[in-house]
């Protein structure tokens, strides 16, 4: 996928926006990710289901753009 992304406008943009080169920035991202994981786990299952269903709908709506990558 990374190889294909290099030849995709969407992939190039996404990689450029999300490349981390600073160790402190990476540490902050990992800490935030761990906190988000704990918060996610604390949500009721029905809430998580609803969120995942909306995420699936959003992915389906963006399929044409995402398939390029």
N, C-alpha and C. Protein backbone atom coordinates (compact mmCIF):
# COMPACT_ATOMS: atom_id res chain seq x y z
N UNK A 1 0.82 -1.18 0.00
CA UNK A 1 0.00 0.00 0.00
C UNK A 1 0.87 1.25 0.00
N UNK A 2 1.96 1.25 0.77
CA UNK A 2 2.84 2.42 0.78
C UNK A 2 3.44 2.68 -0.59
N UNK A 3 3.77 1.61 -1.30
CA UNK A 3 4.32 1.77 -2.64
C UNK A 3 3.28 2.41 -3.57
N UNK A 4 2.05 1.95 -3.50
CA UNK A 4 0.99 2.53 -4.33
C UNK A 4 0.69 3.96 -3.92
N UNK A 5 0.77 4.25 -2.62
CA UNK A 5 0.46 5.60 -2.13
C UNK A 5 1.40 6.64 -2.72
N UNK A 6 2.63 6.25 -2.99
CA UNK A 6 3.61 7.19 -3.55
C UNK A 6 3.22 7.66 -4.94
N UNK A 7 2.34 6.94 -5.61
CA UNK A 7 1.90 7.29 -6.96
C UNK A 7 0.45 7.75 -6.99
N UNK A 8 -0.07 8.10 -5.85
CA UNK A 8 -1.47 8.50 -5.71
C UNK A 8 -1.52 9.89 -5.11
N UNK A 9 -2.27 10.78 -5.72
CA UNK A 9 -2.40 12.13 -5.16
C UNK A 9 -2.89 12.09 -3.72
N UNK A 10 -3.90 11.29 -3.48
CA UNK A 10 -4.45 11.17 -2.12
C UNK A 10 -3.42 10.55 -1.19
N UNK A 11 -2.70 9.55 -1.67
CA UNK A 11 -1.68 8.89 -0.86
C UNK A 11 -0.53 9.82 -0.52
N UNK A 12 -0.06 10.57 -1.49
CA UNK A 12 1.04 11.51 -1.27
C UNK A 12 0.62 12.56 -0.23
N UNK A 13 -0.59 13.09 -0.38
CA UNK A 13 -1.08 14.10 0.55
C UNK A 13 -1.20 13.52 1.96
N UNK A 14 -1.75 12.33 2.06
CA UNK A 14 -1.95 11.70 3.36
C UNK A 14 -0.62 11.42 4.04
N UNK A 15 0.33 10.88 3.30
CA UNK A 15 1.65 10.58 3.88
C UNK A 15 2.34 11.87 4.33
N UNK A 16 2.24 12.92 3.54
CA UNK A 16 2.88 14.18 3.89
C UNK A 16 2.26 14.77 5.16
N UNK A 17 0.97 14.65 5.31
CA UNK A 17 0.28 15.21 6.47
C UNK A 17 0.53 14.42 7.75
N UNK A 18 0.89 13.15 7.62
CA UNK A 18 0.96 12.29 8.80
C UNK A 18 2.33 11.68 9.03
N UNK A 19 3.37 12.25 8.47
CA UNK A 19 4.72 11.78 8.71
C UNK A 19 5.24 12.41 9.99
N UNK A 20 5.77 11.60 10.88
CA UNK A 20 6.29 12.08 12.16
C UNK A 20 7.81 11.88 12.16
N UNK A 21 8.54 12.95 12.38
CA UNK A 21 10.00 12.86 12.37
C UNK A 21 10.62 13.27 13.70
N UNK A 22 9.80 13.72 14.64
CA UNK A 22 10.29 14.22 15.92
C UNK A 22 9.91 13.23 17.03
N UNK A 23 10.87 12.82 17.83
CA UNK A 23 10.62 11.83 18.88
C UNK A 23 9.61 12.34 19.91
N UNK A 24 9.69 13.61 20.27
CA UNK A 24 8.75 14.17 21.25
C UNK A 24 7.33 14.16 20.70
N UNK A 25 7.20 14.48 19.41
CA UNK A 25 5.87 14.45 18.78
C UNK A 25 5.33 13.02 18.78
N UNK A 26 6.18 12.06 18.48
CA UNK A 26 5.76 10.66 18.49
C UNK A 26 5.33 10.23 19.89
N UNK A 27 6.09 10.62 20.90
CA UNK A 27 5.71 10.28 22.28
C UNK A 27 4.34 10.85 22.62
N UNK A 28 4.09 12.09 22.21
CA UNK A 28 2.79 12.72 22.49
C UNK A 28 1.67 11.99 21.76
N UNK A 29 1.92 11.59 20.52
CA UNK A 29 0.92 10.85 19.74
C UNK A 29 0.61 9.52 20.41
N UNK A 30 1.65 8.82 20.86
CA UNK A 30 1.45 7.52 21.50
C UNK A 30 0.70 7.67 22.82
N UNK A 31 1.01 8.70 23.60
CA UNK A 31 0.30 8.92 24.86
C UNK A 31 -1.17 9.23 24.60
N UNK A 32 -1.44 10.06 23.60
CA UNK A 32 -2.82 10.39 23.27
C UNK A 32 -3.57 9.15 22.77
N UNK A 33 -2.88 8.32 22.03
CA UNK A 33 -3.49 7.09 21.52
C UNK A 33 -3.84 6.15 22.66
N UNK A 34 -2.95 6.02 23.63
CA UNK A 34 -3.23 5.16 24.78
C UNK A 34 -4.42 5.69 25.58
N UNK A 35 -4.48 7.00 25.77
CA UNK A 35 -5.61 7.60 26.50
C UNK A 35 -6.91 7.39 25.74
N UNK A 36 -6.86 7.55 24.42
CA UNK A 36 -8.07 7.35 23.60
C UNK A 36 -8.51 5.89 23.66
N UNK A 37 -7.56 4.97 23.70
CA UNK A 37 -7.91 3.55 23.80
C UNK A 37 -8.61 3.24 25.12
N UNK A 38 -8.13 3.83 26.19
CA UNK A 38 -8.78 3.63 27.49
C UNK A 38 -10.20 4.22 27.48
N UNK A 39 -10.33 5.41 26.90
CA UNK A 39 -11.66 6.04 26.82
C UNK A 39 -12.61 5.21 25.96
N UNK A 40 -12.09 4.68 24.86
CA UNK A 40 -12.91 3.84 23.97
C UNK A 40 -13.39 2.61 24.72
N UNK A 41 -12.49 1.97 25.45
CA UNK A 41 -12.85 0.77 26.20
C UNK A 41 -13.87 1.03 27.30
N UNK A 42 -13.90 2.25 27.79
CA UNK A 42 -14.83 2.61 28.86
C UNK A 42 -16.24 2.92 28.33
N UNK A 43 -16.36 3.13 27.03
CA UNK A 43 -17.68 3.41 26.45
C UNK A 43 -18.54 2.16 26.46
N UNK A 44 -19.84 2.33 26.62
CA UNK A 44 -20.73 1.17 26.51
C UNK A 44 -20.65 0.55 25.11
N UNK A 45 -20.83 -0.74 25.04
CA UNK A 45 -20.73 -1.45 23.76
C UNK A 45 -21.67 -0.87 22.71
N UNK A 46 -22.87 -0.50 23.12
CA UNK A 46 -23.84 0.05 22.14
C UNK A 46 -23.32 1.34 21.53
N UNK A 47 -22.63 2.16 22.31
CA UNK A 47 -22.05 3.40 21.77
C UNK A 47 -20.95 3.08 20.76
N UNK A 48 -20.11 2.10 21.10
CA UNK A 48 -19.03 1.72 20.18
C UNK A 48 -19.59 1.18 18.87
N UNK A 49 -20.65 0.38 18.96
CA UNK A 49 -21.30 -0.15 17.76
C UNK A 49 -21.79 0.98 16.88
N UNK A 50 -22.48 1.95 17.47
CA UNK A 50 -23.03 3.06 16.69
C UNK A 50 -21.92 3.86 16.02
N UNK A 51 -20.82 4.09 16.74
CA UNK A 51 -19.70 4.84 16.18
C UNK A 51 -19.08 4.07 15.02
N UNK A 52 -18.88 2.77 15.20
CA UNK A 52 -18.29 1.96 14.13
C UNK A 52 -19.20 1.88 12.91
N UNK A 53 -20.49 1.84 13.13
CA UNK A 53 -21.42 1.85 12.00
C UNK A 53 -21.32 3.16 11.23
N UNK A 54 -21.24 4.29 11.94
CA UNK A 54 -21.08 5.58 11.27
C UNK A 54 -19.74 5.65 10.53
N UNK A 55 -18.70 5.10 11.13
CA UNK A 55 -17.39 5.07 10.47
C UNK A 55 -17.46 4.25 9.18
N UNK A 56 -18.14 3.12 9.23
CA UNK A 56 -18.32 2.29 8.04
C UNK A 56 -19.08 3.03 6.95
N UNK A 57 -20.10 3.76 7.35
CA UNK A 57 -20.87 4.56 6.38
C UNK A 57 -19.98 5.63 5.74
N UNK A 58 -19.15 6.27 6.56
CA UNK A 58 -18.25 7.31 6.03
C UNK A 58 -17.23 6.71 5.07
N UNK A 59 -16.69 5.55 5.41
CA UNK A 59 -15.74 4.88 4.52
C UNK A 59 -16.40 4.50 3.20
N UNK A 60 -17.61 3.99 3.29
CA UNK A 60 -18.35 3.63 2.07
C UNK A 60 -18.59 4.86 1.21
N UNK A 61 -18.94 5.97 1.83
CA UNK A 61 -19.20 7.21 1.08
C UNK A 61 -17.94 7.73 0.41
N UNK A 62 -16.78 7.45 1.01
CA UNK A 62 -15.50 7.94 0.47
C UNK A 62 -14.79 6.89 -0.37
N UNK A 63 -15.44 5.78 -0.64
CA UNK A 63 -14.80 4.65 -1.33
C UNK A 63 -14.11 5.05 -2.62
N UNK A 64 -14.77 5.84 -3.43
CA UNK A 64 -14.19 6.23 -4.71
C UNK A 64 -12.87 6.96 -4.56
N UNK A 65 -12.78 7.80 -3.55
CA UNK A 65 -11.55 8.56 -3.32
C UNK A 65 -10.49 7.65 -2.69
N UNK A 66 -10.92 6.79 -1.78
CA UNK A 66 -9.98 5.94 -1.08
C UNK A 66 -9.41 4.81 -1.94
N UNK A 67 -10.19 4.35 -2.89
CA UNK A 67 -9.76 3.23 -3.73
C UNK A 67 -8.54 3.60 -4.57
N UNK A 68 -8.34 4.90 -4.80
CA UNK A 68 -7.18 5.36 -5.56
C UNK A 68 -5.88 4.93 -4.90
N UNK A 69 -5.87 4.96 -3.57
CA UNK A 69 -4.66 4.62 -2.84
C UNK A 69 -4.52 3.12 -2.83
